[in-house]
All heavy atoms as atom14 arrays in JSON, in Angstrom:
{
  "sequence": "THEIDEEVFADGTVHKYEGSKKWSGGYLGDGEFHPLEEMLMDKISDA",
  "atom14_mask": [
    [1, 1, 1, 1, 1, 1, 1, 0, 0, 0, 0, 0, 0, 0],
    [1, 1, 1, 1, 1, 1, 1, 1, 1, 1, 0, 0, 0, 0],
    [1, 1, 1, 1, 1, 1, 1, 1, 1, 0, 0, 0, 0, 0],
    [1, 1, 1, 1, 1, 1, 1, 1, 0, 0, 0, 0, 0, 0],
    [1, 1, 1, 1, 1, 1, 1, 1, 0, 0, 0, 0, 0, 0],
    [1, 1, 1, 1, 1, 1, 1, 1, 1, 0, 0, 0, 0, 0],
    [1, 1, 1, 1, 1, 1, 1, 1, 1, 0, 0, 0, 0, 0],
    [1, 1, 1, 1, 1, 1, 1, 0, 0, 0, 0, 0, 0, 0],
    [1, 1, 1, 1, 1, 1, 1, 1, 1, 1, 1, 0, 0, 0],
    [1, 1, 1, 1, 1, 0, 0, 0, 0, 0, 0, 0, 0, 0],
    [1, 1, 1, 1, 1, 1, 1, 1, 0, 0, 0, 0, 0, 0],
    [1, 1, 1, 1, 0, 0, 0, 0, 0, 0, 0, 0, 0, 0],
    [1, 1, 1, 1, 1, 1, 1, 0, 0, 0, 0, 0, 0, 0],
    [1, 1, 1, 1, 1, 1, 1, 0, 0, 0, 0, 0, 0, 0],
    [1, 1, 1, 1, 1, 1, 1, 1, 1, 1, 0, 0, 0, 0],
    [1, 1, 1, 1, 1, 1, 1, 1, 1, 0, 0, 0, 0, 0],
    [1, 1, 1, 1, 1, 1, 1, 1, 1, 1, 1, 1, 0, 0],
    [1, 1, 1, 1, 1, 1, 1, 1, 1, 0, 0, 0, 0, 0],
    [1, 1, 1, 1, 0, 0, 0, 0, 0, 0, 0, 0, 0, 0],
    [1, 1, 1, 1, 1, 1, 0, 0, 0, 0, 0, 0, 0, 0],
    [1, 1, 1, 1, 1, 1, 1, 1, 1, 0, 0, 0, 0, 0],
    [1, 1, 1, 1, 1, 1, 1, 1, 1, 0, 0, 0, 0, 0],
    [1, 1, 1, 1, 1, 1, 1, 1, 1, 1, 1, 1, 1, 1],
    [1, 1, 1, 1, 1, 1, 0, 0, 0, 0, 0, 0, 0, 0],
    [1, 1, 1, 1, 0, 0, 0, 0, 0, 0, 0, 0, 0, 0],
    [1, 1, 1, 1, 0, 0, 0, 0, 0, 0, 0, 0, 0, 0],
    [1, 1, 1, 1, 1, 1, 1, 1, 1, 1, 1, 1, 0, 0],
    [1, 1, 1, 1, 1, 1, 1, 1, 0, 0, 0, 0, 0, 0],
    [1, 1, 1, 1, 0, 0, 0, 0, 0, 0, 0, 0, 0, 0],
    [1, 1, 1, 1, 1, 1, 1, 1, 0, 0, 0, 0, 0, 0],
    [1, 1, 1, 1, 0, 0, 0, 0, 0, 0, 0, 0, 0, 0],
    [1, 1, 1, 1, 1, 1, 1, 1, 1, 0, 0, 0, 0, 0],
    [1, 1, 1, 1, 1, 1, 1, 1, 1, 1, 1, 0, 0, 0],
    [1, 1, 1, 1, 1, 1, 1, 1, 1, 1, 0, 0, 0, 0],
    [1, 1, 1, 1, 1, 1, 1, 0, 0, 0, 0, 0, 0, 0],
    [1, 1, 1, 1, 1, 1, 1, 1, 0, 0, 0, 0, 0, 0],
    [1, 1, 1, 1, 1, 1, 1, 1, 1, 0, 0, 0, 0, 0],
    [1, 1, 1, 1, 1, 1, 1, 1, 1, 0, 0, 0, 0, 0],
    [1, 1, 1, 1, 1, 1, 1, 1, 0, 0, 0, 0, 0, 0],
    [1, 1, 1, 1, 1, 1, 1, 1, 0, 0, 0, 0, 0, 0],
    [1, 1, 1, 1, 1, 1, 1, 1, 0, 0, 0, 0, 0, 0],
    [1, 1, 1, 1, 1, 1, 1, 1, 0, 0, 0, 0, 0, 0],
    [1, 1, 1, 1, 1, 1, 1, 1, 1, 0, 0, 0, 0, 0],
    [1, 1, 1, 1, 1, 1, 1, 1, 0, 0, 0, 0, 0, 0],
    [1, 1, 1, 1, 1, 1, 0, 0, 0, 0, 0, 0, 0, 0],
    [1, 1, 1, 1, 1, 1, 1, 1, 0, 0, 0, 0, 0, 0],
    [1, 1, 1, 1, 1, 0, 0, 0, 0, 0, 0, 0, 0, 0]
  ],
  "atom14_positions": [
    [[0.86, -1.18, -0.02], [0.01, -0.01, -0.01], [0.88, 1.23, 0.02], [1.76, 1.4, 0.85], [-0.93, 0.0, 1.21], [-1.67, -1.17, 1.21], [-1.84, 1.25, 1.17], [0.0, 0.0, 0.0], [0.0, 0.0, 0.0], [0.0, 0.0, 0.0], [0.0, 0.0, 0.0], [0.0, 0.0, 0.0], [0.0, 0.0, 0.0], [0.0, 0.0, 0.0]],
    [[0.78, 2.09, -0.99], [1.53, 3.26, -1.2], [0.71, 4.48, -0.82], [-0.36, 4.68, -1.28], [1.93, 3.47, -2.66], [2.57, 2.24, -3.27], [3.93, 2.12, -3.32], [2.05, 1.17, -3.87], [4.22, 1.05, -3.98], [3.15, 0.37, -4.23], [0.0, 0.0, 0.0], [0.0, 0.0, 0.0], [0.0, 0.0, 0.0], [0.0, 0.0, 0.0]],
    [[1.22, 5.31, 0.11], [0.66, 6.61, 0.36], [1.28, 7.58, -0.55], [2.42, 7.62, -0.8], [0.98, 6.96, 1.83], [0.39, 6.07, 2.9], [-1.15, 6.17, 3.09], [-1.66, 7.22, 2.65], [-1.69, 5.33, 3.67], [0.0, 0.0, 0.0], [0.0, 0.0, 0.0], [0.0, 0.0, 0.0], [0.0, 0.0, 0.0], [0.0, 0.0, 0.0]],
    [[0.42, 8.45, -1.09], [0.89, 9.5, -2.02], [0.76, 10.8, -1.25], [-0.29, 11.22, -0.85], [0.14, 9.53, -3.3], [0.13, 8.18, -4.03], [0.61, 10.67, -4.23], [1.51, 7.74, -4.46], [0.0, 0.0, 0.0], [0.0, 0.0, 0.0], [0.0, 0.0, 0.0], [0.0, 0.0, 0.0], [0.0, 0.0, 0.0], [0.0, 0.0, 0.0]],
    [[1.88, 11.44, -1.02], [1.88, 12.73, -0.36], [2.0, 13.85, -1.42], [2.45, 13.59, -2.49], [3.05, 12.8, 0.62], [2.91, 11.79, 1.75], [1.8, 11.48, 2.15], [3.92, 11.35, 2.27], [0.0, 0.0, 0.0], [0.0, 0.0, 0.0], [0.0, 0.0, 0.0], [0.0, 0.0, 0.0], [0.0, 0.0, 0.0], [0.0, 0.0, 0.0]],
    [[1.58, 15.0, -0.97], [1.72, 16.15, -1.91], [2.09, 17.41, -1.12], [1.76, 17.53, 0.08], [0.45, 16.33, -2.72], [-0.82, 16.71, -1.95], [-2.02, 16.85, -2.81], [-2.21, 16.07, -3.77], [-2.79, 17.78, -2.54], [0.0, 0.0, 0.0], [0.0, 0.0, 0.0], [0.0, 0.0, 0.0], [0.0, 0.0, 0.0], [0.0, 0.0, 0.0]],
    [[2.77, 18.26, -1.83], [3.2, 19.51, -1.28], [2.71, 20.62, -2.23], [2.94, 20.58, -3.43], [4.73, 19.52, -1.16], [5.29, 20.81, -0.48], [6.83, 20.7, -0.33], [7.39, 19.72, -0.69], [7.39, 21.69, 0.13], [0.0, 0.0, 0.0], [0.0, 0.0, 0.0], [0.0, 0.0, 0.0], [0.0, 0.0, 0.0], [0.0, 0.0, 0.0]],
    [[1.98, 21.61, -1.68], [1.43, 22.69, -2.44], [2.34, 23.95, -2.22], [2.57, 24.32, -1.06], [-0.03, 23.08, -2.08], [-0.52, 24.12, -2.91], [-0.86, 21.75, -2.24], [0.0, 0.0, 0.0], [0.0, 0.0, 0.0], [0.0, 0.0, 0.0], [0.0, 0.0, 0.0], [0.0, 0.0, 0.0], [0.0, 0.0, 0.0], [0.0, 0.0, 0.0]],
    [[2.85, 24.53, -3.25], [3.74, 25.61, -3.14], [2.95, 26.98, -3.25], [1.82, 26.96, -3.64], [4.82, 25.57, -4.28], [5.75, 24.43, -4.11], [5.52, 23.24, -4.81], [6.83, 24.45, -3.33], [6.33, 22.15, -4.69], [7.68, 23.37, -3.2], [7.43, 22.19, -3.86], [0.0, 0.0, 0.0], [0.0, 0.0, 0.0], [0.0, 0.0, 0.0]],
    [[3.54, 28.03, -2.86], [2.91, 29.36, -2.78], [2.32, 29.72, -4.18], [1.3, 30.37, -4.23], [3.93, 30.37, -2.33], [0.0, 0.0, 0.0], [0.0, 0.0, 0.0], [0.0, 0.0, 0.0], [0.0, 0.0, 0.0], [0.0, 0.0, 0.0], [0.0, 0.0, 0.0], [0.0, 0.0, 0.0], [0.0, 0.0, 0.0], [0.0, 0.0, 0.0]],
    [[2.97, 29.28, -5.26], [2.45, 29.68, -6.61], [1.34, 28.76, -7.07], [0.81, 28.87, -8.17], [3.59, 29.7, -7.62], [4.2, 28.29, -7.89], [3.7, 27.34, -7.17], [5.1, 28.2, -8.7], [0.0, 0.0, 0.0], [0.0, 0.0, 0.0], [0.0, 0.0, 0.0], [0.0, 0.0, 0.0], [0.0, 0.0, 0.0], [0.0, 0.0, 0.0]],
    [[0.95, 27.81, -6.2], [-0.22, 26.99, -6.51], [0.17, 25.65, -7.12], [-0.71, 24.76, -7.36], [0.0, 0.0, 0.0], [0.0, 0.0, 0.0], [0.0, 0.0, 0.0], [0.0, 0.0, 0.0], [0.0, 0.0, 0.0], [0.0, 0.0, 0.0], [0.0, 0.0, 0.0], [0.0, 0.0, 0.0], [0.0, 0.0, 0.0], [0.0, 0.0, 0.0]],
    [[1.42, 25.47, -7.46], [1.81, 24.2, -8.07], [1.84, 23.12, -7.01], [2.1, 23.41, -5.84], [3.24, 24.27, -8.73], [4.16, 24.66, -7.75], [3.23, 25.24, -9.94], [0.0, 0.0, 0.0], [0.0, 0.0, 0.0], [0.0, 0.0, 0.0], [0.0, 0.0, 0.0], [0.0, 0.0, 0.0], [0.0, 0.0, 0.0], [0.0, 0.0, 0.0]],
    [[1.52, 21.87, -7.43], [1.47, 20.81, -6.49], [2.48, 19.75, -6.91], [2.59, 19.41, -8.08], [0.03, 20.16, -6.57], [-0.02, 18.9, -5.65], [-1.03, 21.16, -6.18], [0.0, 0.0, 0.0], [0.0, 0.0, 0.0], [0.0, 0.0, 0.0], [0.0, 0.0, 0.0], [0.0, 0.0, 0.0], [0.0, 0.0, 0.0], [0.0, 0.0, 0.0]],
    [[3.26, 19.35, -5.93], [4.28, 18.31, -6.17], [3.81, 17.02, -5.41], [3.64, 17.07, -4.21], [5.65, 18.72, -5.68], [6.64, 17.64, -5.66], [7.2, 17.17, -6.82], [7.23, 16.93, -4.64], [8.06, 16.21, -6.56], [8.12, 16.05, -5.21], [0.0, 0.0, 0.0], [0.0, 0.0, 0.0], [0.0, 0.0, 0.0], [0.0, 0.0, 0.0]],
    [[3.55, 15.96, -6.2], [3.19, 14.67, -5.53], [4.38, 13.75, -5.5], [5.1, 13.7, -6.42], [2.03, 14.04, -6.34], [0.73, 14.87, -6.29], [-0.37, 14.16, -6.96], [-1.62, 15.04, -6.84], [-2.85, 14.34, -7.35], [0.0, 0.0, 0.0], [0.0, 0.0, 0.0], [0.0, 0.0, 0.0], [0.0, 0.0, 0.0], [0.0, 0.0, 0.0]],
    [[4.47, 13.05, -4.41], [5.57, 12.11, -4.26], [5.12, 10.91, -3.41], [4.18, 11.0, -2.63], [6.8, 12.74, -3.64], [6.53, 13.41, -2.36], [6.83, 12.74, -1.12], [6.01, 14.73, -2.19], [6.56, 13.34, 0.08], [5.85, 15.34, -0.99], [6.08, 14.66, 0.09], [5.78, 15.24, 1.39], [0.0, 0.0, 0.0], [0.0, 0.0, 0.0]],
    [[5.85, 9.83, -3.63], [5.45, 8.66, -2.94], [5.89, 8.76, -1.45], [6.99, 9.11, -1.1], [6.18, 7.39, -3.53], [5.67, 6.14, -2.89], [6.2, 4.93, -3.7], [6.18, 4.92, -4.91], [6.63, 4.01, -2.99], [0.0, 0.0, 0.0], [0.0, 0.0, 0.0], [0.0, 0.0, 0.0], [0.0, 0.0, 0.0], [0.0, 0.0, 0.0]],
    [[4.94, 8.5, -0.6], [5.16, 8.59, 0.83], [5.55, 7.26, 1.39], [6.26, 6.46, 0.82], [0.0, 0.0, 0.0], [0.0, 0.0, 0.0], [0.0, 0.0, 0.0], [0.0, 0.0, 0.0], [0.0, 0.0, 0.0], [0.0, 0.0, 0.0], [0.0, 0.0, 0.0], [0.0, 0.0, 0.0], [0.0, 0.0, 0.0], [0.0, 0.0, 0.0]],
    [[4.87, 6.89, 2.5], [5.18, 5.66, 3.17], [4.62, 4.42, 2.38], [3.7, 4.52, 1.56], [4.66, 5.67, 4.59], [3.22, 5.78, 4.51], [0.0, 0.0, 0.0], [0.0, 0.0, 0.0], [0.0, 0.0, 0.0], [0.0, 0.0, 0.0], [0.0, 0.0, 0.0], [0.0, 0.0, 0.0], [0.0, 0.0, 0.0], [0.0, 0.0, 0.0]],
    [[5.18, 3.22, 2.67], [4.69, 2.03, 2.07], [4.42, 1.07, 3.27], [5.12, 1.06, 4.26], [5.82, 1.34, 1.24], [6.09, 2.04, -0.07], [7.16, 1.27, -0.81], [7.56, 2.0, -2.02], [8.58, 1.26, -2.75], [0.0, 0.0, 0.0], [0.0, 0.0, 0.0], [0.0, 0.0, 0.0], [0.0, 0.0, 0.0], [0.0, 0.0, 0.0]],
    [[3.42, 0.24, 3.09], [3.04, -0.75, 4.12], [2.79, -2.06, 3.39], [1.97, -2.11, 2.42], [1.79, -0.35, 4.89], [1.38, -1.32, 5.87], [0.08, -0.91, 6.59], [-0.58, -2.07, 7.27], [-1.99, -1.88, 7.42], [0.0, 0.0, 0.0], [0.0, 0.0, 0.0], [0.0, 0.0, 0.0], [0.0, 0.0, 0.0], [0.0, 0.0, 0.0]],
    [[3.48, -3.11, 3.76], [3.29, -4.41, 3.13], [2.37, -5.21, 4.01], [2.31, -5.24, 5.2], [4.6, -5.14, 3.06], [5.54, -4.58, 2.05], [6.39, -3.55, 2.18], [5.59, -4.92, 0.64], [7.03, -3.29, 0.98], [6.58, -4.13, 0.05], [4.93, -5.9, -0.09], [6.91, -4.18, -1.33], [5.28, -6.03, -1.46], [6.22, -5.22, -2.06]],
    [[1.54, -6.06, 3.27], [0.6, -6.96, 3.95], [0.27, -8.18, 3.02], [0.64, -8.15, 1.84], [-0.68, -6.26, 4.3], [-1.38, -5.83, 3.16], [0.0, 0.0, 0.0], [0.0, 0.0, 0.0], [0.0, 0.0, 0.0], [0.0, 0.0, 0.0], [0.0, 0.0, 0.0], [0.0, 0.0, 0.0], [0.0, 0.0, 0.0], [0.0, 0.0, 0.0]],
    [[-0.25, -9.15, 3.57], [-0.69, -10.35, 2.79], [-2.15, -10.17, 2.35], [-2.84, -9.24, 2.86], [0.0, 0.0, 0.0], [0.0, 0.0, 0.0], [0.0, 0.0, 0.0], [0.0, 0.0, 0.0], [0.0, 0.0, 0.0], [0.0, 0.0, 0.0], [0.0, 0.0, 0.0], [0.0, 0.0, 0.0], [0.0, 0.0, 0.0], [0.0, 0.0, 0.0]],
    [[-2.61, -11.02, 1.48], [-3.97, -11.01, 1.05], [-4.92, -11.41, 2.17], [-6.07, -10.91, 2.29], [0.0, 0.0, 0.0], [0.0, 0.0, 0.0], [0.0, 0.0, 0.0], [0.0, 0.0, 0.0], [0.0, 0.0, 0.0], [0.0, 0.0, 0.0], [0.0, 0.0, 0.0], [0.0, 0.0, 0.0], [0.0, 0.0, 0.0], [0.0, 0.0, 0.0]],
    [[-4.46, -12.34, 3.02], [-5.23, -12.73, 4.11], [-4.97, -11.83, 5.3], [-3.85, -11.71, 5.74], [-5.0, -14.22, 4.47], [-5.82, -14.78, 5.62], [-7.18, -14.88, 5.46], [-5.27, -15.01, 6.86], [-7.98, -15.33, 6.57], [-6.0, -15.52, 7.94], [-7.38, -15.63, 7.71], [-8.14, -16.1, 8.79], [0.0, 0.0, 0.0], [0.0, 0.0, 0.0]],
    [[-5.98, -11.16, 5.86], [-5.78, -10.25, 6.96], [-5.97, -10.82, 8.3], [-5.69, -10.22, 9.31], [-6.7, -9.04, 6.74], [-6.63, -8.33, 5.39], [-7.72, -7.23, 5.26], [-5.23, -7.74, 5.23], [0.0, 0.0, 0.0], [0.0, 0.0, 0.0], [0.0, 0.0, 0.0], [0.0, 0.0, 0.0], [0.0, 0.0, 0.0], [0.0, 0.0, 0.0]],
    [[-6.46, -12.08, 8.39], [-6.71, -12.75, 9.62], [-8.19, -12.74, 9.95], [-9.03, -11.94, 9.44], [0.0, 0.0, 0.0], [0.0, 0.0, 0.0], [0.0, 0.0, 0.0], [0.0, 0.0, 0.0], [0.0, 0.0, 0.0], [0.0, 0.0, 0.0], [0.0, 0.0, 0.0], [0.0, 0.0, 0.0], [0.0, 0.0, 0.0], [0.0, 0.0, 0.0]],
    [[-8.64, -13.61, 10.87], [-10.02, -13.75, 11.34], [-10.98, -13.83, 10.16], [-12.11, -13.34, 10.19], [-10.43, -12.55, 12.18], [-9.63, -12.42, 13.44], [-9.25, -13.51, 14.0], [-9.4, -11.29, 13.91], [0.0, 0.0, 0.0], [0.0, 0.0, 0.0], [0.0, 0.0, 0.0], [0.0, 0.0, 0.0], [0.0, 0.0, 0.0], [0.0, 0.0, 0.0]],
    [[-10.56, -14.63, 9.11], [-11.5, -14.88, 7.96], [-11.62, -13.69, 7.04], [-12.48, -13.71, 6.13], [0.0, 0.0, 0.0], [0.0, 0.0, 0.0], [0.0, 0.0, 0.0], [0.0, 0.0, 0.0], [0.0, 0.0, 0.0], [0.0, 0.0, 0.0], [0.0, 0.0, 0.0], [0.0, 0.0, 0.0], [0.0, 0.0, 0.0], [0.0, 0.0, 0.0]],
    [[-10.84, -12.64, 7.25], [-10.92, -11.45, 6.39], [-9.82, -11.38, 5.38], [-8.71, -11.76, 5.69], [-10.88, -10.17, 7.3], [-12.05, -10.05, 8.25], [-13.32, -9.75, 7.61], [-13.35, -9.0, 6.6], [-14.33, -10.31, 8.02], [0.0, 0.0, 0.0], [0.0, 0.0, 0.0], [0.0, 0.0, 0.0], [0.0, 0.0, 0.0], [0.0, 0.0, 0.0]],
    [[-10.13, -10.94, 4.2], [-9.16, -10.76, 3.11], [-9.11, -9.34, 2.62], [-10.07, -8.57, 2.89], [-9.59, -11.65, 1.93], [-9.4, -13.16, 2.17], [-10.36, -13.87, 2.76], [-8.21, -13.8, 1.85], [-10.24, -15.23, 3.02], [-8.06, -15.12, 2.05], [-9.1, -15.84, 2.66], [0.0, 0.0, 0.0], [0.0, 0.0, 0.0], [0.0, 0.0, 0.0]],
    [[-8.0, -8.96, 2.01], [-7.89, -7.64, 1.4], [-9.06, -7.51, 0.5], [-9.46, -8.42, -0.16], [-6.52, -7.51, 0.67], [-6.26, -6.17, 0.14], [-6.82, -5.74, -1.01], [-5.58, -5.17, 0.65], [-6.43, -4.49, -1.26], [-5.68, -4.11, -0.28], [0.0, 0.0, 0.0], [0.0, 0.0, 0.0], [0.0, 0.0, 0.0], [0.0, 0.0, 0.0]],
    [[-9.65, -6.21, 0.43], [-10.81, -6.0, -0.4], [-10.7, -6.44, -1.85], [-11.73, -6.9, -2.41], [-11.05, -4.5, -0.27], [-10.41, -4.13, 0.95], [-9.24, -5.02, 1.16], [0.0, 0.0, 0.0], [0.0, 0.0, 0.0], [0.0, 0.0, 0.0], [0.0, 0.0, 0.0], [0.0, 0.0, 0.0], [0.0, 0.0, 0.0], [0.0, 0.0, 0.0]],
    [[-9.56, -6.43, -2.44], [-9.38, -6.78, -3.87], [-8.92, -8.27, -4.04], [-8.87, -8.77, -5.18], [-8.4, -5.84, -4.58], [-8.8, -4.42, -4.67], [-7.69, -3.59, -5.27], [-10.07, -4.25, -5.46], [0.0, 0.0, 0.0], [0.0, 0.0, 0.0], [0.0, 0.0, 0.0], [0.0, 0.0, 0.0], [0.0, 0.0, 0.0], [0.0, 0.0, 0.0]],
    [[-8.6, -8.91, -2.98], [-7.93, -10.21, -3.1], [-8.76, -11.24, -3.84], [-8.28, -11.95, -4.71], [-7.56, -10.73, -1.68], [-6.74, -12.02, -1.73], [-5.27, -11.81, -2.19], [-4.89, -10.63, -2.36], [-4.63, -12.8, -2.41], [0.0, 0.0, 0.0], [0.0, 0.0, 0.0], [0.0, 0.0, 0.0], [0.0, 0.0, 0.0], [0.0, 0.0, 0.0]],
    [[-10.05, -11.35, -3.48], [-10.9, -12.4, -4.12], [-10.98, -12.18, -5.61], [-10.87, -13.03, -6.44], [-12.27, -12.45, -3.42], [-13.1, -13.54, -3.96], [-14.4, -13.72, -3.25], [-14.56, -13.27, -2.11], [-15.33, -14.33, -3.84], [0.0, 0.0, 0.0], [0.0, 0.0, 0.0], [0.0, 0.0, 0.0], [0.0, 0.0, 0.0], [0.0, 0.0, 0.0]],
    [[-11.3, -10.93, -5.96], [-11.45, -10.53, -7.35], [-10.13, -10.74, -8.16], [-10.16, -11.38, -9.23], [-11.86, -9.05, -7.52], [-12.12, -8.63, -8.92], [-10.73, -7.9, -9.8], [-10.27, -6.54, -8.71], [0.0, 0.0, 0.0], [0.0, 0.0, 0.0], [0.0, 0.0, 0.0], [0.0, 0.0, 0.0], [0.0, 0.0, 0.0], [0.0, 0.0, 0.0]],
    [[-9.0, -10.4, -7.59], [-7.71, -10.55, -8.25], [-7.38, -12.06, -8.39], [-6.9, -12.54, -9.46], [-6.58, -9.85, -7.54], [-6.67, -8.31, -7.64], [-5.65, -7.65, -6.71], [-6.46, -7.85, -9.11], [0.0, 0.0, 0.0], [0.0, 0.0, 0.0], [0.0, 0.0, 0.0], [0.0, 0.0, 0.0], [0.0, 0.0, 0.0], [0.0, 0.0, 0.0]],
    [[-7.67, -12.84, -7.39], [-7.36, -14.27, -7.44], [-8.24, -14.92, -8.5], [-7.76, -15.8, -9.16], [-7.51, -14.92, -6.08], [-6.43, -14.57, -5.14], [-4.75, -14.92, -5.65], [-4.84, -16.64, -6.01], [0.0, 0.0, 0.0], [0.0, 0.0, 0.0], [0.0, 0.0, 0.0], [0.0, 0.0, 0.0], [0.0, 0.0, 0.0], [0.0, 0.0, 0.0]],
    [[-9.46, -14.53, -8.6], [-10.32, -15.03, -9.66], [-9.77, -14.73, -11.05], [-9.79, -15.61, -11.93], [-11.72, -14.47, -9.51], [-12.52, -15.05, -8.32], [-12.11, -16.08, -7.83], [-13.56, -14.49, -8.02], [0.0, 0.0, 0.0], [0.0, 0.0, 0.0], [0.0, 0.0, 0.0], [0.0, 0.0, 0.0], [0.0, 0.0, 0.0], [0.0, 0.0, 0.0]],
    [[-9.26, -13.52, -11.25], [-8.74, -13.11, -12.54], [-7.45, -13.86, -12.83], [-7.24, -14.28, -13.95], [-8.53, -11.61, -12.59], [-9.82, -10.8, -12.67], [-9.61, -9.38, -12.94], [-10.86, -8.63, -13.04], [-11.82, -9.02, -14.08], [0.0, 0.0, 0.0], [0.0, 0.0, 0.0], [0.0, 0.0, 0.0], [0.0, 0.0, 0.0], [0.0, 0.0, 0.0]],
    [[-6.63, -14.03, -11.83], [-5.36, -14.8, -11.99], [-5.72, -16.26, -12.32], [-5.08, -16.83, -13.21], [-4.47, -14.73, -10.74], [-3.95, -13.29, -10.5], [-3.29, -15.71, -10.79], [-3.0, -12.8, -11.51], [0.0, 0.0, 0.0], [0.0, 0.0, 0.0], [0.0, 0.0, 0.0], [0.0, 0.0, 0.0], [0.0, 0.0, 0.0], [0.0, 0.0, 0.0]],
    [[-6.64, -16.81, -11.67], [-7.08, -18.22, -11.91], [-7.6, -18.34, -13.33], [-7.27, -19.28, -14.03], [-8.14, -18.65, -10.91], [-8.55, -19.92, -11.14], [0.0, 0.0, 0.0], [0.0, 0.0, 0.0], [0.0, 0.0, 0.0], [0.0, 0.0, 0.0], [0.0, 0.0, 0.0], [0.0, 0.0, 0.0], [0.0, 0.0, 0.0], [0.0, 0.0, 0.0]],
    [[-8.42, -17.43, -13.76], [-8.94, -17.4, -15.14], [-7.77, -17.3, -16.18], [-7.77, -17.98, -17.18], [-9.91, -16.27, -15.4], [-11.26, -16.47, -14.65], [-11.53, -17.57, -14.15], [-11.96, -15.48, -14.52], [0.0, 0.0, 0.0], [0.0, 0.0, 0.0], [0.0, 0.0, 0.0], [0.0, 0.0, 0.0], [0.0, 0.0, 0.0], [0.0, 0.0, 0.0]],
    [[-6.77, -16.45, -15.84], [-5.64, -16.33, -16.82], [-4.82, -17.6, -16.88], [-4.46, -18.01, -17.93], [-4.76, -15.16, -16.31], [0.0, 0.0, 0.0], [0.0, 0.0, 0.0], [0.0, 0.0, 0.0], [0.0, 0.0, 0.0], [0.0, 0.0, 0.0], [0.0, 0.0, 0.0], [0.0, 0.0, 0.0], [0.0, 0.0, 0.0], [0.0, 0.0, 0.0]]
  ]
}
């Protein structure tokens, strides 16, 4: 999971940059999965 940070300058321009990263597995524990995991696994299986 990538956080995207941004900095707004006085002239109104916005600079976006990659902030923190957090790694996790598809299985979150207690019978819960990452929200996209089931859909992605179905697509990988179909492929």
